[in-house]
N, C-alpha and C. Protein backbone atom coordinates (compact mmCIF):
# COMPACT_ATOMS: atom_id res chain seq x y z
N LYS A 1 0.82 -1.20 0.00
CA LYS A 1 0.00 0.00 0.00
C LYS A 1 0.87 1.26 0.00
N SER A 2 1.95 1.23 0.74
CA SER A 2 2.80 2.42 0.82
C SER A 2 3.47 2.75 -0.50
N LEU A 3 3.52 1.78 -1.43
CA LEU A 3 4.15 2.01 -2.73
C LEU A 3 3.12 2.19 -3.84
N GLY A 4 1.85 2.41 -3.49
CA GLY A 4 0.86 2.74 -4.49
C GLY A 4 -0.21 1.71 -4.75
N GLY A 5 -0.12 0.53 -4.15
CA GLY A 5 -1.14 -0.50 -4.38
C GLY A 5 -2.34 -0.31 -3.47
N GLY A 6 -3.37 -1.08 -3.75
CA GLY A 6 -4.59 -0.99 -2.96
C GLY A 6 -4.59 -1.86 -1.72
N GLY A 7 -3.63 -2.77 -1.61
CA GLY A 7 -3.54 -3.60 -0.43
C GLY A 7 -4.30 -4.91 -0.49
N ALA A 8 -4.91 -5.23 -1.63
CA ALA A 8 -5.65 -6.49 -1.76
C ALA A 8 -4.68 -7.67 -1.74
N SER A 9 -5.13 -8.78 -1.20
CA SER A 9 -4.29 -9.98 -1.18
C SER A 9 -4.21 -10.59 -2.58
N PHE A 10 -3.21 -11.44 -2.78
CA PHE A 10 -3.07 -12.12 -4.06
C PHE A 10 -4.31 -12.97 -4.34
N LEU A 11 -4.83 -13.66 -3.32
CA LEU A 11 -6.02 -14.48 -3.48
C LEU A 11 -7.22 -13.63 -3.90
N ALA A 12 -7.36 -12.45 -3.33
CA ALA A 12 -8.45 -11.55 -3.72
C ALA A 12 -8.31 -11.14 -5.18
N LYS A 13 -7.08 -10.87 -5.62
CA LYS A 13 -6.86 -10.49 -7.02
C LYS A 13 -7.22 -11.64 -7.96
N ILE A 14 -6.88 -12.86 -7.57
CA ILE A 14 -7.24 -14.02 -8.39
C ILE A 14 -8.76 -14.13 -8.49
N GLY A 15 -9.46 -13.86 -7.40
CA GLY A 15 -10.92 -13.88 -7.43
C GLY A 15 -11.48 -12.85 -8.39
N ILE A 16 -10.88 -11.68 -8.43
CA ILE A 16 -11.31 -10.62 -9.35
C ILE A 16 -11.08 -11.07 -10.79
N VAL A 17 -9.91 -11.67 -11.06
CA VAL A 17 -9.61 -12.17 -12.41
C VAL A 17 -10.63 -13.23 -12.82
N GLU A 18 -11.00 -14.10 -11.89
CA GLU A 18 -11.98 -15.15 -12.18
C GLU A 18 -13.33 -14.55 -12.58
N VAL A 19 -13.76 -13.54 -11.87
CA VAL A 19 -15.03 -12.89 -12.20
C VAL A 19 -14.97 -12.23 -13.57
N ILE A 20 -13.88 -11.54 -13.85
CA ILE A 20 -13.72 -10.90 -15.15
C ILE A 20 -13.69 -11.95 -16.26
N ALA A 21 -12.98 -13.06 -16.03
CA ALA A 21 -12.89 -14.12 -17.05
C ALA A 21 -14.26 -14.68 -17.38
N ARG A 22 -15.10 -14.79 -16.38
CA ARG A 22 -16.45 -15.31 -16.63
C ARG A 22 -17.24 -14.37 -17.54
N GLN A 23 -16.89 -13.14 -17.56
CA GLN A 23 -17.57 -12.16 -18.41
C GLN A 23 -16.87 -12.01 -19.77
N CYS A 24 -15.85 -12.80 -20.00
CA CYS A 24 -15.11 -12.83 -21.27
C CYS A 24 -14.46 -11.50 -21.61
N ILE A 25 -13.99 -10.78 -20.62
CA ILE A 25 -13.30 -9.53 -20.89
C ILE A 25 -11.92 -9.48 -20.26
N ILE A 26 -11.30 -10.62 -20.11
CA ILE A 26 -9.96 -10.62 -19.53
C ILE A 26 -8.94 -10.32 -20.63
N SER A 27 -7.90 -9.63 -20.29
CA SER A 27 -6.88 -9.29 -21.29
C SER A 27 -5.53 -9.85 -20.86
N SER A 28 -4.67 -10.09 -21.82
CA SER A 28 -3.34 -10.59 -21.48
C SER A 28 -2.57 -9.55 -20.68
N PHE A 29 -2.80 -8.27 -20.94
CA PHE A 29 -2.12 -7.24 -20.15
C PHE A 29 -2.50 -7.35 -18.69
N GLY A 30 -3.77 -7.59 -18.43
CA GLY A 30 -4.22 -7.71 -17.05
C GLY A 30 -3.54 -8.86 -16.34
N LEU A 31 -3.40 -9.99 -17.01
CA LEU A 31 -2.73 -11.13 -16.40
C LEU A 31 -1.26 -10.86 -16.17
N VAL A 32 -0.58 -10.27 -17.16
CA VAL A 32 0.83 -9.97 -17.00
C VAL A 32 1.02 -9.00 -15.85
N ASN A 33 0.22 -7.96 -15.80
CA ASN A 33 0.33 -6.97 -14.75
C ASN A 33 0.08 -7.58 -13.39
N LEU A 34 -0.93 -8.43 -13.30
CA LEU A 34 -1.29 -9.03 -12.02
C LEU A 34 -0.27 -10.06 -11.56
N LEU A 35 0.12 -10.96 -12.44
CA LEU A 35 0.91 -12.11 -12.02
C LEU A 35 2.42 -11.91 -12.12
N ASN A 36 2.87 -11.00 -12.95
CA ASN A 36 4.31 -10.91 -13.17
C ASN A 36 4.96 -9.73 -12.47
N GLY A 37 4.61 -8.54 -12.85
CA GLY A 37 5.35 -7.38 -12.39
C GLY A 37 5.30 -7.07 -10.92
N PRO A 38 4.23 -6.49 -10.44
CA PRO A 38 4.19 -6.07 -9.04
C PRO A 38 4.41 -7.20 -8.06
N LEU A 39 3.82 -8.35 -8.29
CA LEU A 39 3.98 -9.46 -7.35
C LEU A 39 5.43 -9.90 -7.26
N ARG A 40 6.09 -10.04 -8.40
CA ARG A 40 7.49 -10.46 -8.39
C ARG A 40 8.37 -9.42 -7.69
N LEU A 41 8.10 -8.16 -7.92
CA LEU A 41 8.89 -7.12 -7.25
C LEU A 41 8.66 -7.13 -5.74
N VAL A 42 7.43 -7.31 -5.32
CA VAL A 42 7.13 -7.34 -3.89
C VAL A 42 7.85 -8.52 -3.24
N GLN A 43 7.79 -9.68 -3.88
CA GLN A 43 8.36 -10.89 -3.29
C GLN A 43 9.88 -10.96 -3.42
N ASN A 44 10.42 -10.53 -4.55
CA ASN A 44 11.83 -10.79 -4.83
C ASN A 44 12.68 -9.55 -5.04
N GLY A 45 12.07 -8.38 -5.16
CA GLY A 45 12.84 -7.17 -5.45
C GLY A 45 13.55 -6.61 -4.23
N THR A 46 14.56 -5.81 -4.50
CA THR A 46 15.24 -5.11 -3.42
C THR A 46 14.39 -3.91 -3.01
N ASP A 47 14.71 -3.32 -1.87
CA ASP A 47 13.98 -2.12 -1.45
C ASP A 47 14.08 -1.03 -2.50
N ASP A 48 15.27 -0.89 -3.10
CA ASP A 48 15.48 0.12 -4.13
C ASP A 48 14.61 -0.16 -5.36
N GLN A 49 14.54 -1.42 -5.80
CA GLN A 49 13.72 -1.77 -6.96
C GLN A 49 12.23 -1.53 -6.68
N ARG A 50 11.78 -1.92 -5.49
CA ARG A 50 10.37 -1.70 -5.15
C ARG A 50 10.04 -0.20 -5.15
N ALA A 51 10.91 0.60 -4.55
CA ALA A 51 10.67 2.05 -4.50
C ALA A 51 10.72 2.67 -5.89
N ARG A 52 11.58 2.14 -6.75
CA ARG A 52 11.76 2.71 -8.08
C ARG A 52 10.63 2.35 -9.04
N TYR A 53 10.16 1.09 -9.01
CA TYR A 53 9.24 0.60 -10.03
C TYR A 53 7.78 0.44 -9.59
N LEU A 54 7.54 0.06 -8.35
CA LEU A 54 6.16 -0.24 -7.96
C LEU A 54 5.20 0.95 -8.06
N PRO A 55 5.59 2.16 -7.65
CA PRO A 55 4.62 3.26 -7.78
C PRO A 55 4.14 3.47 -9.22
N GLY A 56 5.04 3.39 -10.18
CA GLY A 56 4.66 3.55 -11.59
C GLY A 56 3.79 2.40 -12.09
N LEU A 57 4.11 1.17 -11.68
CA LEU A 57 3.31 0.02 -12.08
C LEU A 57 1.90 0.10 -11.50
N MET A 58 1.81 0.48 -10.24
CA MET A 58 0.51 0.52 -9.58
C MET A 58 -0.36 1.67 -10.09
N SER A 59 0.27 2.77 -10.53
CA SER A 59 -0.50 3.91 -11.03
C SER A 59 -0.82 3.78 -12.52
N GLY A 60 -0.17 2.84 -13.21
CA GLY A 60 -0.39 2.68 -14.64
C GLY A 60 0.53 3.53 -15.50
N LYS A 61 1.45 4.26 -14.88
CA LYS A 61 2.37 5.10 -15.65
C LYS A 61 3.54 4.30 -16.21
N THR A 62 3.81 3.13 -15.64
CA THR A 62 4.87 2.26 -16.12
C THR A 62 4.24 1.03 -16.74
N ILE A 63 4.72 0.64 -17.91
CA ILE A 63 4.19 -0.51 -18.62
C ILE A 63 5.21 -1.64 -18.51
N ILE A 64 4.71 -2.85 -18.28
CA ILE A 64 5.59 -4.01 -18.22
C ILE A 64 5.22 -4.97 -19.33
N ALA A 65 6.13 -5.87 -19.66
CA ALA A 65 5.88 -6.87 -20.69
C ALA A 65 6.51 -8.19 -20.27
N LEU A 66 6.02 -9.25 -20.87
CA LEU A 66 6.53 -10.58 -20.57
C LEU A 66 6.61 -11.37 -21.86
N CYS A 67 7.78 -11.92 -22.17
CA CYS A 67 7.95 -12.78 -23.33
C CYS A 67 7.59 -14.20 -22.90
N LEU A 68 6.58 -14.78 -23.53
CA LEU A 68 6.14 -16.11 -23.12
C LEU A 68 6.76 -17.24 -23.93
N THR A 69 7.14 -16.99 -25.17
CA THR A 69 7.67 -18.08 -25.99
C THR A 69 8.53 -17.54 -27.12
N GLU A 70 9.47 -18.34 -27.56
CA GLU A 70 10.30 -18.06 -28.72
C GLU A 70 10.54 -19.37 -29.45
N PRO A 71 10.79 -19.32 -30.76
CA PRO A 71 10.98 -20.57 -31.51
C PRO A 71 12.10 -21.46 -30.95
N GLN A 72 13.20 -20.85 -30.52
CA GLN A 72 14.33 -21.66 -30.06
C GLN A 72 14.24 -22.09 -28.60
N SER A 73 13.32 -21.49 -27.81
CA SER A 73 13.29 -21.83 -26.39
C SER A 73 11.92 -22.21 -25.86
N GLY A 74 10.89 -22.13 -26.67
CA GLY A 74 9.55 -22.48 -26.18
C GLY A 74 9.16 -21.60 -25.01
N SER A 75 8.74 -22.22 -23.91
CA SER A 75 8.35 -21.44 -22.74
C SER A 75 9.43 -21.44 -21.66
N ASP A 76 10.67 -21.72 -22.05
CA ASP A 76 11.81 -21.69 -21.13
C ASP A 76 12.25 -20.24 -20.95
N PHE A 77 11.76 -19.59 -19.90
CA PHE A 77 12.06 -18.17 -19.69
C PHE A 77 13.56 -17.89 -19.66
N ALA A 78 14.32 -18.79 -19.06
CA ALA A 78 15.75 -18.57 -18.95
C ALA A 78 16.46 -18.70 -20.29
N GLY A 79 15.82 -19.36 -21.25
CA GLY A 79 16.44 -19.57 -22.55
C GLY A 79 16.06 -18.56 -23.61
N THR A 80 15.27 -17.54 -23.26
CA THR A 80 14.84 -16.58 -24.27
C THR A 80 16.02 -15.70 -24.71
N ALA A 81 15.98 -15.29 -25.98
CA ALA A 81 17.06 -14.46 -26.53
C ALA A 81 16.58 -13.06 -26.87
N THR A 82 15.27 -12.86 -26.99
CA THR A 82 14.74 -11.54 -27.34
C THR A 82 15.01 -10.56 -26.20
N ARG A 83 15.32 -9.34 -26.55
CA ARG A 83 15.55 -8.31 -25.53
C ARG A 83 15.02 -6.98 -26.05
N ALA A 84 14.68 -6.13 -25.14
CA ALA A 84 14.25 -4.78 -25.48
C ALA A 84 15.46 -3.87 -25.44
N GLU A 85 15.53 -2.98 -26.40
CA GLU A 85 16.67 -2.06 -26.44
C GLU A 85 16.15 -0.67 -26.80
N ARG A 86 16.51 0.30 -26.00
CA ARG A 86 16.10 1.68 -26.28
C ARG A 86 16.92 2.21 -27.45
N VAL A 87 16.23 2.73 -28.46
CA VAL A 87 16.92 3.29 -29.63
C VAL A 87 16.40 4.70 -29.88
N GLU A 88 17.11 5.44 -30.68
CA GLU A 88 16.70 6.81 -30.98
C GLU A 88 15.32 6.79 -31.64
N GLY A 89 14.42 7.58 -31.13
CA GLY A 89 13.07 7.67 -31.68
C GLY A 89 12.07 6.69 -31.09
N GLY A 90 12.50 5.86 -30.13
CA GLY A 90 11.52 4.95 -29.52
C GLY A 90 12.15 3.77 -28.84
């Protein structure tokens, strides 16, 4: 809560996702946001990482992404080769 979240438990969030799924309006962004970014930072991030990234993630000002598969690695997250790189103009 102190870093911008609403304070709901992970189980409560899963319940919300279940209700949305029943209405057929769930999005992949919602799942990535819920299951990957903030939760992983809360559980595994350093204090500096939590302070730096969580407020933006919780407010929607920071966008996160997750690579789920690649031809050479399937769903082996550790084996992915794709990377994001900041370049001039975007």
